[in-house]
Amino acid sequence: MTAAPAVEAVELVKHFGQTRAVDGVSFVVPTGTVLGLLGPNGAGKTTLVRMLTTLSVPTGGTGRVAGYDILREPTQVRRSMGLTGQAATVDEILTGRENLKLIGSLYGLPKSHVREATERLFDRFDLTEAADRMAKTYSGGMRRRLDLAVSLLAAPPILFLDEPTTGLDPQSRSGLWAVLRELVDEGTTLVLTTQYLEEADHLADEIVVVDHGKVIAAGTPTQLKDQAGQASVVVTLTNAADLDDAARLMRSHSPEVHVERGSRRLTARAAGLGDMTRIAAVFESSGIELDDLGLARPSLDDVFLHLTGHRAEAEAADGTTEQTPEGVTP
């Protein structure tokens, strides 16, 4: 028998007055996988997460988390998942250890479980030395890790992460990615929103691209990249004087060859690894020296440009995040 999906969105709709923040979104997240919700600011990603985690009531449609309906069984949904929002929600005047103790008591967890889980989570998130310091003394990366530790205290099988690494430095971001991958390897299902294309590419098994409240594309990172164009064979020459001869060689295998004279680089469209192998063999017998030869696929940024007409960085440049309209109760 096929296991039931961990998360399902079924024609979810959310209106704020005349604004259709989410407009008929559906997707399925298999157990033990990572779904990346990718889209520009204001696309509806956070609103989707709020509906699926029972923080906001849909205008239409429904969803299921761990098999429980978000409208009819909200209590069971909340017991089955954890949530880390865009901003760390730890209590700054409590120590790291006290934060987990507080949440454990709110969950009604046994004190022995909270003590054991706290030590395990602090060790996993490299917070042991800071466990008895007030959270207000933590760096941004430490607060984010503490927030994630709080979300995992009850060992939820499904974890929603709303832009989990926003504001973190590259080292902290990379460290958090490693921890998230460990969680997935252990069976946790992740649903994450992100405005970092590299993050979606690194973590997500499947990506749903949302724009203006609608799904405009879905698939694996590789499938989405294929939509943005073919792969290319990129050759970097040792000597710029060989550019013309090298271009003639490459054109004998691919009519469209782009020459970058300043960088000594040649680029040709390719269907796959076979083209790269053939071009490599031609150069090997030609006597033309190469610094590098490789296969370059379109990036997720190319996908974003292809689908929306703009690059993701243009949307995320001001660092703003999606907000519920003022005066509206979710």
C-alpha atoms as a PDB file:
ATOM      1  CA  MET A   1       0.000   0.000   0.000  1.00  0.00           C
ATOM      2  CA  THR A   2       1.128   3.571  -0.750  1.00  0.00           C
ATOM      3  CA  ALA A   3       1.626   5.714   2.334  1.00  0.00           C
ATOM      4  CA  ALA A   4      -0.742   8.661   2.688  1.00  0.00           C
ATOM      5  CA  PRO A   5       0.792  12.070   1.892  1.00  0.00           C
ATOM      6  CA  ALA A   6       2.142  14.036   4.833  1.00  0.00           C
ATOM      7  CA  VAL A   7       0.624  17.300   3.602  1.00  0.00           C
ATOM      8  CA  GLU A   8      -2.027  18.107   0.996  1.00  0.00           C
ATOM      9  CA  ALA A   9      -3.350  21.450  -0.164  1.00  0.00           C
ATOM     10  CA  VAL A  10      -6.697  21.100  -1.924  1.00  0.00           C
ATOM     11  CA  GLU A  11      -7.781  24.139  -3.975  1.00  0.00           C
ATOM     12  CA  LEU A  12      -6.892  26.498  -1.123  1.00  0.00           C
ATOM     13  CA  VAL A  13      -8.228  30.030  -1.459  1.00  0.00           C
ATOM     14  CA  LYS A  14      -7.703  33.044   0.803  1.00  0.00           C
ATOM     15  CA  HIS A  15      -9.206  36.510   0.290  1.00  0.00           C
ATOM     16  CA  PHE A  16      -8.316  39.652   2.237  1.00  0.00           C
ATOM     17  CA  GLY A  17     -11.092  42.009   1.166  1.00  0.00           C
ATOM     18  CA  GLN A  18     -10.726  42.335  -2.603  1.00  0.00           C
ATOM     19  CA  THR A  19      -7.230  40.811  -2.544  1.00  0.00           C
ATOM     20  CA  ARG A  20      -6.957  37.158  -3.596  1.00  0.00           C
ATOM     21  CA  ALA A  21      -3.799  36.265  -1.660  1.00  0.00           C
ATOM     22  CA  VAL A  22      -4.148  32.558  -2.519  1.00  0.00           C
ATOM     23  CA  ASP A  23      -6.201  31.497  -5.509  1.00  0.00           C
ATOM     24  CA  GLY A  24      -6.906  27.767  -5.801  1.00  0.00           C
ATOM     25  CA  VAL A  25      -3.565  26.239  -4.812  1.00  0.00           C
ATOM     26  CA  SER A  26      -3.155  22.449  -4.692  1.00  0.00           C
ATOM     27  CA  PHE A  27      -0.113  20.289  -4.040  1.00  0.00           C
ATOM     28  CA  VAL A  28       0.887  17.043  -2.318  1.00  0.00           C
ATOM     29  CA  VAL A  29       3.934  16.417  -0.098  1.00  0.00           C
ATOM     30  CA  PRO A  30       4.931  12.749   0.277  1.00  0.00           C
ATOM     31  CA  THR A  31       6.076  11.604   3.712  1.00  0.00           C
ATOM     32  CA  GLY A  32       9.778  12.075   4.387  1.00  0.00           C
ATOM     33  CA  THR A  33      10.371  14.607   1.616  1.00  0.00           C
ATOM     34  CA  VAL A  34      11.009  18.354   1.348  1.00  0.00           C
ATOM     35  CA  LEU A  35       8.664  20.682  -0.510  1.00  0.00           C
ATOM     36  CA  GLY A  36       9.974  24.137  -1.323  1.00  0.00           C
ATOM     37  CA  LEU A  37       7.393  26.911  -1.805  1.00  0.00           C
ATOM     38  CA  LEU A  38       9.203  29.399  -4.000  1.00  0.00           C
ATOM     39  CA  GLY A  39       7.953  32.773  -5.158  1.00  0.00           C
ATOM     40  CA  PRO A  40       8.391  36.540  -4.921  1.00  0.00           C
ATOM     41  CA  ASN A  41       7.386  38.506  -1.851  1.00  0.00           C
ATOM     42  CA  GLY A  42       3.613  38.751  -1.624  1.00  0.00           C
ATOM     43  CA  ALA A  43       3.094  35.654  -3.772  1.00  0.00           C
ATOM     44  CA  GLY A  44       1.028  33.898  -1.090  1.00  0.00           C
ATOM     45  CA  LYS A  45       3.627  31.550   0.424  1.00  0.00           C
ATOM     46  CA  THR A  46       3.233  32.623   4.043  1.00  0.00           C
ATOM     47  CA  THR A  47      -0.551  32.717   3.717  1.00  0.00           C
ATOM     48  CA  LEU A  48      -0.467  29.100   2.492  1.00  0.00           C
ATOM     49  CA  VAL A  49       1.604  28.053   5.504  1.00  0.00           C
ATOM     50  CA  ARG A  50      -0.719  29.884   7.898  1.00  0.00           C
ATOM     51  CA  MET A  51      -3.746  28.089   6.473  1.00  0.00           C
ATOM     52  CA  LEU A  52      -2.116  24.657   6.541  1.00  0.00           C
ATOM     53  CA  THR A  53      -0.992  25.161  10.150  1.00  0.00           C
ATOM     54  CA  THR A  54      -4.510  26.309  11.243  1.00  0.00           C
ATOM     55  CA  LEU A  55      -3.412  29.898  12.001  1.00  0.00           C
ATOM     56  CA  SER A  56      -5.678  31.240   9.271  1.00  0.00           C
ATOM     57  CA  VAL A  57      -9.039  29.940   8.056  1.00  0.00           C
ATOM     58  CA  PRO A  58      -9.270  29.401   4.276  1.00  0.00           C
ATOM     59  CA  THR A  59     -11.857  31.305   2.286  1.00  0.00           C
ATOM     60  CA  GLY A  60     -12.242  28.179   0.184  1.00  0.00           C
ATOM     61  CA  GLY A  61     -10.766  24.731  -0.255  1.00  0.00           C
ATOM     62  CA  THR A  62      -9.078  22.759   2.493  1.00  0.00           C
ATOM     63  CA  GLY A  63      -5.937  20.854   3.353  1.00  0.00           C
ATOM     64  CA  ARG A  64      -4.749  17.817   5.243  1.00  0.00           C
ATOM     65  CA  VAL A  65      -1.753  17.442   7.527  1.00  0.00           C
ATOM     66  CA  ALA A  66      -0.822  13.919   8.641  1.00  0.00           C
ATOM     67  CA  GLY A  67      -4.203  12.874   7.236  1.00  0.00           C
ATOM     68  CA  TYR A  68      -6.167  15.347   9.386  1.00  0.00           C
ATOM     69  CA  ASP A  69      -8.391  17.973   7.792  1.00  0.00           C
ATOM     70  CA  ILE A  70      -7.292  21.509   8.693  1.00  0.00           C
ATOM     71  CA  LEU A  71     -10.917  22.670   9.021  1.00  0.00           C
ATOM     72  CA  ARG A  72     -12.589  19.738  10.751  1.00  0.00           C
ATOM     73  CA  GLU A  73      -9.652  18.474  12.851  1.00  0.00           C
ATOM     74  CA  PRO A  74      -7.431  21.478  13.720  1.00  0.00           C
ATOM     75  CA  THR A  75      -6.391  20.106  17.115  1.00  0.00           C
ATOM     76  CA  GLN A  76      -5.045  16.887  15.589  1.00  0.00           C
ATOM     77  CA  VAL A  77      -3.281  18.929  12.896  1.00  0.00           C
ATOM     78  CA  ARG A  78      -1.485  21.046  15.497  1.00  0.00           C
ATOM     79  CA  ARG A  79      -0.435  17.926  17.423  1.00  0.00           C
ATOM     80  CA  SER A  80       1.097  16.476  14.255  1.00  0.00           C
ATOM     81  CA  MET A  81       3.316  19.330  13.162  1.00  0.00           C
ATOM     82  CA  GLY A  82       5.786  21.991  14.196  1.00  0.00           C
ATOM     83  CA  LEU A  83       6.117  25.538  12.868  1.00  0.00           C
ATOM     84  CA  THR A  84       9.013  27.954  12.654  1.00  0.00           C
ATOM     85  CA  GLY A  85       7.860  31.366  11.465  1.00  0.00           C
ATOM     86  CA  GLN A  86       9.746  34.130   9.691  1.00  0.00           C
ATOM     87  CA  ALA A  87      10.905  35.717  12.946  1.00  0.00           C
ATOM     88  CA  ALA A  88      12.305  33.823  15.920  1.00  0.00           C
ATOM     89  CA  THR A  89       9.624  33.620  18.616  1.00  0.00           C
ATOM     90  CA  VAL A  90      11.801  32.746  21.616  1.00  0.00           C
ATOM     91  CA  ASP A  91      11.367  34.590  24.916  1.00  0.00           C
ATOM     92  CA  GLU A  92      14.412  36.849  25.160  1.00  0.00           C
ATOM     93  CA  ILE A  93      14.416  37.183  28.962  1.00  0.00           C
ATOM     94  CA  LEU A  94      14.547  33.407  29.434  1.00  0.00           C
ATOM     95  CA  THR A  95      17.615  31.252  28.962  1.00  0.00           C
ATOM     96  CA  GLY A  96      17.741  28.816  26.075  1.00  0.00           C
ATOM     97  CA  ARG A  97      17.034  25.952  28.453  1.00  0.00           C
ATOM     98  CA  GLU A  98      14.118  27.805  30.063  1.00  0.00           C
ATOM     99  CA  ASN A  99      12.588  28.451  26.648  1.00  0.00           C
ATOM    100  CA  LEU A 100      12.365  24.728  25.965  1.00  0.00           C
ATOM    101  CA  LYS A 101      11.119  24.038  29.504  1.00  0.00           C
ATOM    102  CA  LEU A 102       8.326  26.597  28.997  1.00  0.00           C
ATOM    103  CA  ILE A 103       7.237  25.106  25.675  1.00  0.00           C
ATOM    104  CA  GLY A 104       7.416  21.593  27.120  1.00  0.00           C
ATOM    105  CA  SER A 105       5.024  22.594  29.889  1.00  0.00           C
ATOM    106  CA  LEU A 106       2.635  24.172  27.369  1.00  0.00           C
ATOM    107  CA  TYR A 107       2.692  20.943  25.360  1.00  0.00           C
ATOM    108  CA  GLY A 108       2.086  18.963  28.570  1.00  0.00           C
ATOM    109  CA  LEU A 109       5.184  16.863  27.935  1.00  0.00           C
ATOM    110  CA  PRO A 110       6.743  14.819  30.768  1.00  0.00           C
ATOM    111  CA  LYS A 111       9.573  16.705  32.493  1.00  0.00           C
ATOM    112  CA  SER A 112      11.957  13.814  31.925  1.00  0.00           C
ATOM    113  CA  HIS A 113      11.263  13.919  28.182  1.00  0.00           C
ATOM    114  CA  VAL A 114      11.825  17.691  28.090  1.00  0.00           C
ATOM    115  CA  ARG A 115      15.151  17.378  29.930  1.00  0.00           C
ATOM    116  CA  GLU A 116      16.415  14.611  27.644  1.00  0.00           C
ATOM    117  CA  ALA A 117      15.154  16.288  24.475  1.00  0.00           C
ATOM    118  CA  THR A 118      16.655  19.630  25.491  1.00  0.00           C
ATOM    119  CA  GLU A 119      20.128  18.162  25.874  1.00  0.00           C
ATOM    120  CA  ARG A 120      19.820  16.278  22.583  1.00  0.00           C
ATOM    121  CA  LEU A 121      18.547  19.294  20.666  1.00  0.00           C
ATOM    122  CA  PHE A 122      21.104  21.679  22.128  1.00  0.00           C
ATOM    123  CA  ASP A 123      23.839  19.282  21.149  1.00  0.00           C
ATOM    124  CA  ARG A 124      22.437  18.956  17.606  1.00  0.00           C
ATOM    125  CA  PHE A 125      22.123  22.731  17.162  1.00  0.00           C
ATOM    126  CA  ASP A 126      25.465  23.551  18.797  1.00  0.00           C
ATOM    127  CA  LEU A 127      23.805  25.471  21.641  1.00  0.00           C
ATOM    128  CA  THR A 128      25.014  23.506  24.687  1.00  0.00           C
ATOM    129  CA  GLU A 129      27.499  26.152  25.836  1.00  0.00           C
ATOM    130  CA  ALA A 130      24.816  28.853  25.560  1.00  0.00           C
ATOM    131  CA  ALA A 131      22.008  26.820  27.181  1.00  0.00           C
ATOM    132  CA  ASP A 132      22.010  28.849  30.414  1.00  0.00           C
ATOM    133  CA  ARG A 133      22.429  32.274  28.821  1.00  0.00           C
ATOM    134  CA  MET A 134      19.447  34.570  28.247  1.00  0.00           C
ATOM    135  CA  ALA A 135      18.219  34.368  24.676  1.00  0.00           C
ATOM    136  CA  LYS A 136      18.624  38.129  24.210  1.00  0.00           C
ATOM    137  CA  THR A 137      22.405  37.558  24.252  1.00  0.00           C
ATOM    138  CA  TYR A 138      22.208  35.107  21.317  1.00  0.00           C
ATOM    139  CA  SER A 139      23.278  36.015  17.803  1.00  0.00           C
ATOM    140  CA  GLY A 140      20.704  35.923  14.998  1.00  0.00           C
ATOM    141  CA  GLY A 141      21.863  32.491  13.927  1.00  0.00           C
ATOM    142  CA  MET A 142      21.709  31.143  17.483  1.00  0.00           C
ATOM    143  CA  ARG A 143      18.171  32.485  17.966  1.00  0.00           C
ATOM    144  CA  ARG A 144      17.104  30.815  14.723  1.00  0.00           C
ATOM    145  CA  ARG A 145      18.578  27.490  15.876  1.00  0.00           C
ATOM    146  CA  LEU A 146      16.889  27.856  19.276  1.00  0.00           C
ATOM    147  CA  ASP A 147      13.588  28.576  17.538  1.00  0.00           C
ATOM    148  CA  LEU A 148      13.980  25.411  15.483  1.00  0.00           C
ATOM    149  CA  ALA A 149      14.881  23.410  18.592  1.00  0.00           C
ATOM    150  CA  VAL A 150      11.658  24.624  20.237  1.00  0.00           C
ATOM    151  CA  SER A 151       9.693  23.489  17.168  1.00  0.00           C
ATOM    152  CA  LEU A 152      11.229  20.024  17.421  1.00  0.00           C
ATOM    153  CA  LEU A 153      10.727  19.536  21.142  1.00  0.00           C
ATOM    154  CA  ALA A 154       7.620  17.406  20.667  1.00  0.00           C
ATOM    155  CA  ALA A 155       9.287  15.482  17.812  1.00  0.00           C
ATOM    156  CA  PRO A 156       6.658  16.401  15.181  1.00  0.00           C
ATOM    157  CA  PRO A 157       6.696  14.237  12.047  1.00  0.00           C
ATOM    158  CA  ILE A 158       5.937  17.308   9.893  1.00  0.00           C
ATOM    159  CA  LEU A 159       7.703  20.658  10.130  1.00  0.00           C
ATOM    160  CA  PHE A 160       6.685  23.913   8.435  1.00  0.00           C
ATOM    161  CA  LEU A 161       9.494  26.431   7.998  1.00  0.00           C
ATOM    162  CA  ASP A 162       8.650  29.935   6.809  1.00  0.00           C
ATOM    163  CA  GLU A 163      11.858  31.417   5.378  1.00  0.00           C
ATOM    164  CA  PRO A 164      14.001  29.668   8.003  1.00  0.00           C
ATOM    165  CA  THR A 165      17.357  31.214   7.075  1.00  0.00           C
ATOM    166  CA  THR A 166      16.391  34.810   6.283  1.00  0.00           C
ATOM    167  CA  GLY A 167      18.955  37.155   7.823  1.00  0.00           C
ATOM    168  CA  LEU A 168      21.523  34.455   8.575  1.00  0.00           C
ATOM    169  CA  ASP A 169      25.118  34.699   7.401  1.00  0.00           C
ATOM    170  CA  PRO A 170      26.274  32.091   4.844  1.00  0.00           C
ATOM    171  CA  GLN A 171      27.992  29.924   7.466  1.00  0.00           C
ATOM    172  CA  SER A 172      24.924  29.816   9.732  1.00  0.00           C
ATOM    173  CA  ARG A 173      22.696  29.129   6.731  1.00  0.00           C
ATOM    174  CA  SER A 174      24.869  26.241   5.603  1.00  0.00           C
ATOM    175  CA  GLY A 175      24.893  24.785   9.121  1.00  0.00           C
ATOM    176  CA  LEU A 176      21.106  24.960   9.351  1.00  0.00           C
ATOM    177  CA  TRP A 177      20.776  23.254   5.957  1.00  0.00           C
ATOM    178  CA  ALA A 178      22.876  20.355   7.258  1.00  0.00           C
ATOM    179  CA  VAL A 179      20.617  19.968  10.301  1.00  0.00           C
ATOM    180  CA  LEU A 180      17.471  20.061   8.155  1.00  0.00           C
ATOM    181  CA  ARG A 181      18.872  17.380   5.875  1.00  0.00           C
ATOM    182  CA  GLU A 182      19.569  15.210   8.947  1.00  0.00           C
ATOM    183  CA  LEU A 183      15.943  15.615  10.033  1.00  0.00           C
ATOM    184  CA  VAL A 184      14.696  14.507   6.614  1.00  0.00           C
ATOM    185  CA  ASP A 185      17.059  11.527   6.644  1.00  0.00           C
ATOM    186  CA  GLU A 186      15.436  10.538   9.937  1.00  0.00           C
ATOM    187  CA  GLY A 187      11.944  10.694   8.392  1.00  0.00           C
ATOM    188  CA  THR A 188      10.730  14.232   9.075  1.00  0.00           C
ATOM    189  CA  THR A 189       8.672  15.886   6.327  1.00  0.00           C
ATOM    190  CA  LEU A 190       9.536  19.528   5.627  1.00  0.00           C
ATOM    191  CA  VAL A 191       7.497  22.246   3.966  1.00  0.00           C
ATOM    192  CA  LEU A 192       9.579  25.394   3.606  1.00  0.00           C
ATOM    193  CA  THR A 193       9.097  28.777   2.027  1.00  0.00           C
ATOM    194  CA  THR A 194      12.177  30.560   0.828  1.00  0.00           C
ATOM    195  CA  GLN A 195      13.314  33.456  -1.285  1.00  0.00           C
ATOM    196  CA  TYR A 196      16.782  31.915  -1.605  1.00  0.00           C
ATOM    197  CA  LEU A 197      16.954  30.002  -4.868  1.00  0.00           C
ATOM    198  CA  GLU A 198      20.092  28.209  -3.715  1.00  0.00           C
ATOM    199  CA  GLU A 199      18.250  27.026  -0.610  1.00  0.00           C
ATOM    200  CA  ALA A 200      15.384  25.549  -2.627  1.00  0.00           C
ATOM    201  CA  ASP A 201      17.859  23.887  -4.987  1.00  0.00           C
ATOM    202  CA  HIS A 202      19.880  22.449  -2.095  1.00  0.00           C
ATOM    203  CA  LEU A 203      17.049  21.203   0.119  1.00  0.00           C
ATOM    204  CA  ALA A 204      13.869  20.605  -1.860  1.00  0.00           C
ATOM    205  CA  ASP A 205      12.869  17.305  -3.451  1.00  0.00           C
ATOM    206  CA  GLU A 206       9.960  19.094  -5.137  1.00  0.00           C
ATOM    207  CA  ILE A 207       9.388  22.803  -5.736  1.00  0.00           C
ATOM    208  CA  VAL A 208       6.090  24.623  -6.173  1.00  0.00           C
ATOM    209  CA  VAL A 209       6.487  28.086  -7.701  1.00  0.00           C
ATOM    210  CA  VAL A 210       3.771  30.509  -6.602  1.00  0.00           C
ATOM    211  CA  ASP A 211       3.087  33.930  -8.090  1.00  0.00           C
ATOM    212  CA  HIS A 212       0.085  36.209  -7.422  1.00  0.00           C
ATOM    213  CA  GLY A 213      -1.521  33.462  -5.343  1.00  0.00           C
ATOM    214  CA  LYS A 214      -1.419  30.807  -8.067  1.00  0.00           C
ATOM    215  CA  VAL A 215       0.847  27.837  -8.790  1.00  0.00           C
ATOM    216  CA  ILE A 216       2.682  28.660 -12.008  1.00  0.00           C
ATOM    217  CA  ALA A 217       5.048  25.667 -12.044  1.00  0.00           C
ATOM    218  CA  ALA A 218       5.862  22.543 -10.059  1.00  0.00           C
ATOM    219  CA  GLY A 219       8.415  19.771 -10.250  1.00  0.00           C
ATOM    220  CA  THR A 220      11.856  18.690  -9.130  1.00  0.00           C
ATOM    221  CA  PRO A 221      14.662  21.271  -9.336  1.00  0.00           C
ATOM    222  CA  THR A 222      16.012  19.503 -12.419  1.00  0.00           C
ATOM    223  CA  GLN A 223      12.607  19.418 -14.121  1.00  0.00           C
ATOM    224  CA  LEU A 224      12.105  23.129 -13.512  1.00  0.00           C
ATOM    225  CA  LYS A 225      15.567  23.971 -14.802  1.00  0.00           C
ATOM    226  CA  ASP A 226      14.841  22.025 -17.970  1.00  0.00           C
ATOM    227  CA  GLN A 227      11.853  24.327 -18.560  1.00  0.00           C
ATOM    228  CA  ALA A 228      14.191  27.330 -18.630  1.00  0.00           C
ATOM    229  CA  GLY A 229      16.338  25.993 -21.470  1.00  0.00           C
ATOM    230  CA  GLN A 230      18.839  23.353 -22.452  1.00  0.00           C
ATOM    231  CA  ALA A 231      22.092  22.614 -20.732  1.00  0.00           C
ATOM    232  CA  SER A 232      25.295  24.018 -22.207  1.00  0.00           C
ATOM    233  CA  VAL A 233      28.826  22.726 -22.653  1.00  0.00           C
ATOM    234  CA  VAL A 234      31.200  25.408 -21.378  1.00  0.00           C
ATOM    235  CA  VAL A 235      34.855  25.338 -22.469  1.00  0.00           C
ATOM    236  CA  THR A 236      37.527  27.629 -21.018  1.00  0.00           C
ATOM    237  CA  LEU A 237      40.736  27.825 -23.073  1.00  0.00           C
ATOM    238  CA  THR A 238      44.239  28.169 -21.729  1.00  0.00           C
ATOM    239  CA  ASN A 239      45.298  30.499 -24.551  1.00  0.00           C
ATOM    240  CA  ALA A 240      43.067  33.241 -25.972  1.00  0.00           C
ATOM    241  CA  ALA A 241      44.825  32.874 -29.341  1.00  0.00           C
ATOM    242  CA  ASP A 242      43.057  29.499 -29.786  1.00  0.00           C
ATOM    243  CA  LEU A 243      39.530  30.968 -29.585  1.00  0.00           C
ATOM    244  CA  ASP A 244      38.754  30.989 -33.304  1.00  0.00           C
ATOM    245  CA  ASP A 245      40.086  27.469 -33.916  1.00  0.00           C
ATOM    246  CA  ALA A 246      38.245  26.193 -30.840  1.00  0.00           C
ATOM    247  CA  ALA A 247      34.991  27.819 -31.983  1.00  0.00           C
ATOM    248  CA  ARG A 248      35.266  26.109 -35.383  1.00  0.00           C
ATOM    249  CA  LEU A 249      35.783  22.763 -33.659  1.00  0.00           C
ATOM    250  CA  MET A 250      32.752  23.230 -31.421  1.00  0.00           C
ATOM    251  CA  ARG A 251      30.561  24.397 -34.323  1.00  0.00           C
ATOM    252  CA  SER A 252      31.238  21.119 -36.094  1.00  0.00           C
ATOM    253  CA  HIS A 253      29.234  19.488 -33.257  1.00  0.00           C
ATOM    254  CA  SER A 254      26.883  22.327 -32.309  1.00  0.00           C
ATOM    255  CA  PRO A 255      25.986  25.124 -34.763  1.00  0.00           C
ATOM    256  CA  GLU A 256      25.256  27.656 -31.987  1.00  0.00           C
ATOM    257  CA  VAL A 257      28.468  28.585 -30.201  1.00  0.00           C
ATOM    258  CA  HIS A 258      28.778  31.705 -28.034  1.00  0.00           C
ATOM    259  CA  VAL A 259      32.291  33.137 -27.776  1.00  0.00           C
ATOM    260  CA  GLU A 260      33.378  35.232 -24.754  1.00  0.00           C
ATOM    261  CA  ARG A 261      36.750  36.612 -25.808  1.00  0.00           C
ATOM    262  CA  GLY A 262      37.599  38.372 -22.575  1.00  0.00           C
ATOM    263  CA  SER A 263      37.167  35.208 -20.496  1.00  0.00           C
ATOM    264  CA  ARG A 264      38.484  32.741 -23.128  1.00  0.00           C
ATOM    265  CA  ARG A 265      35.190  30.917 -22.802  1.00  0.00           C
ATOM    266  CA  LEU A 266      33.050  29.126 -25.382  1.00  0.00           C
ATOM    267  CA  THR A 267      29.477  27.969 -24.753  1.00  0.00           C
ATOM    268  CA  ALA A 268      27.451  25.578 -26.894  1.00  0.00           C
ATOM    269  CA  ARG A 269      23.936  24.223 -26.447  1.00  0.00           C
ATOM    270  CA  ALA A 270      23.917  20.611 -25.327  1.00  0.00           C
ATOM    271  CA  ALA A 271      21.340  17.874 -24.873  1.00  0.00           C
ATOM    272  CA  GLY A 272      23.276  16.222 -22.071  1.00  0.00           C
ATOM    273  CA  LEU A 273      26.446  14.491 -20.959  1.00  0.00           C
ATOM    274  CA  GLY A 274      26.902  12.786 -24.324  1.00  0.00           C
ATOM    275  CA  ASP A 275      27.528  16.136 -26.021  1.00  0.00           C
ATOM    276  CA  MET A 276      30.074  17.100 -23.391  1.00  0.00           C
ATOM    277  CA  THR A 277      31.886  13.776 -23.811  1.00  0.00           C
ATOM    278  CA  ARG A 278      32.070  14.158 -27.613  1.00  0.00           C
ATOM    279  CA  ILE A 279      33.362  17.740 -27.407  1.00  0.00           C
ATOM    280  CA  ALA A 280      35.931  16.697 -24.805  1.00  0.00           C
ATOM    281  CA  ALA A 281      37.197  13.954 -27.142  1.00  0.00           C
ATOM    282  CA  VAL A 282      37.488  16.429 -30.041  1.00  0.00           C
ATOM    283  CA  PHE A 283      39.574  18.840 -27.989  1.00  0.00           C
ATOM    284  CA  GLU A 284      41.748  16.053 -26.622  1.00  0.00           C
ATOM    285  CA  SER A 285      42.863  15.142 -30.154  1.00  0.00           C
ATOM    286  CA  SER A 286      43.132  18.750 -31.355  1.00  0.00           C
ATOM    287  CA  GLY A 287      46.133  19.884 -29.354  1.00  0.00           C
ATOM    288  CA  ILE A 288      44.208  22.913 -28.014  1.00  0.00           C
ATOM    289  CA  GLU A 289      44.833  23.283 -24.281  1.00  0.00           C
ATOM    290  CA  LEU A 290      41.884  23.752 -21.925  1.00  0.00           C
ATOM    291  CA  ASP A 291      41.646  25.139 -18.410  1.00  0.00           C
ATOM    292  CA  ASP A 292      38.167  23.699 -17.900  1.00  0.00           C
ATOM    293  CA  LEU A 293      35.324  21.863 -19.623  1.00  0.00           C
ATOM    294  CA  GLY A 294      31.944  21.170 -18.066  1.00  0.00           C
ATOM    295  CA  LEU A 295      28.178  20.914 -18.420  1.00  0.00           C
ATOM    296  CA  ALA A 296      26.172  23.894 -17.142  1.00  0.00           C
ATOM    297  CA  ARG A 297      22.425  23.616 -16.534  1.00  0.00           C
ATOM    298  CA  PRO A 298      20.076  26.582 -16.145  1.00  0.00           C
ATOM    299  CA  SER A 299      19.847  27.738 -12.548  1.00  0.00           C
ATOM    300  CA  LEU A 300      16.683  28.200 -10.519  1.00  0.00           C
ATOM    301  CA  ASP A 301      17.225  31.914 -11.032  1.00  0.00           C
ATOM    302  CA  ASP A 302      16.911  31.269 -14.786  1.00  0.00           C
ATOM    303  CA  VAL A 303      13.688  29.365 -14.009  1.00  0.00           C
ATOM    304  CA  PHE A 304      12.377  32.323 -12.035  1.00  0.00           C
ATOM    305  CA  LEU A 305      13.177  34.694 -14.876  1.00  0.00           C
ATOM    306  CA  HIS A 306      11.580  32.338 -17.407  1.00  0.00           C
ATOM    307  CA  LEU A 307       8.375  31.956 -15.393  1.00  0.00           C
ATOM    308  CA  THR A 308       7.858  35.442 -13.963  1.00  0.00           C
ATOM    309  CA  GLY A 309       9.789  37.752 -16.275  1.00  0.00           C
ATOM    310  CA  HIS A 310      12.107  38.957 -13.508  1.00  0.00           C
ATOM    311  CA  ARG A 311      14.907  37.599 -11.381  1.00  0.00           C
ATOM    312  CA  ALA A 312      14.225  36.618  -7.779  1.00  0.00           C
ATOM    313  CA  GLU A 313      16.871  38.972  -6.430  1.00  0.00           C
ATOM    314  CA  ALA A 314      14.868  41.940  -7.700  1.00  0.00           C
ATOM    315  CA  GLU A 315      11.956  40.900  -5.474  1.00  0.00           C
ATOM    316  CA  ALA A 316      14.038  40.084  -2.407  1.00  0.00           C
ATOM    317  CA  ALA A 317      16.436  43.017  -2.573  1.00  0.00           C
ATOM    318  CA  ASP A 318      14.645  45.106   0.070  1.00  0.00           C
ATOM    319  CA  GLY A 319      14.463  42.202   2.499  1.00  0.00           C
ATOM    320  CA  THR A 320      10.735  42.594   3.003  1.00  0.00           C
ATOM    321  CA  THR A 321       8.537  39.646   3.812  1.00  0.00           C
ATOM    322  CA  GLU A 322       4.976  38.800   3.068  1.00  0.00           C
ATOM    323  CA  GLN A 323       2.524  40.285   5.528  1.00  0.00           C
ATOM    324  CA  THR A 324      -1.200  39.978   6.244  1.00  0.00           C
ATOM    325  CA  PRO A 325      -2.897  43.223   5.142  1.00  0.00           C
ATOM    326  CA  GLU A 326      -3.442  45.711   7.950  1.00  0.00           C
ATOM    327  CA  GLY A 327      -6.762  45.606   9.710  1.00  0.00           C
ATOM    328  CA  VAL A 328      -7.536  42.088   8.527  1.00  0.00           C
ATOM    329  CA  THR A 329      -7.927  39.172  10.898  1.00  0.00           C
ATOM    330  CA  PRO A 330      -6.393  36.017   9.370  1.00  0.00           C
END
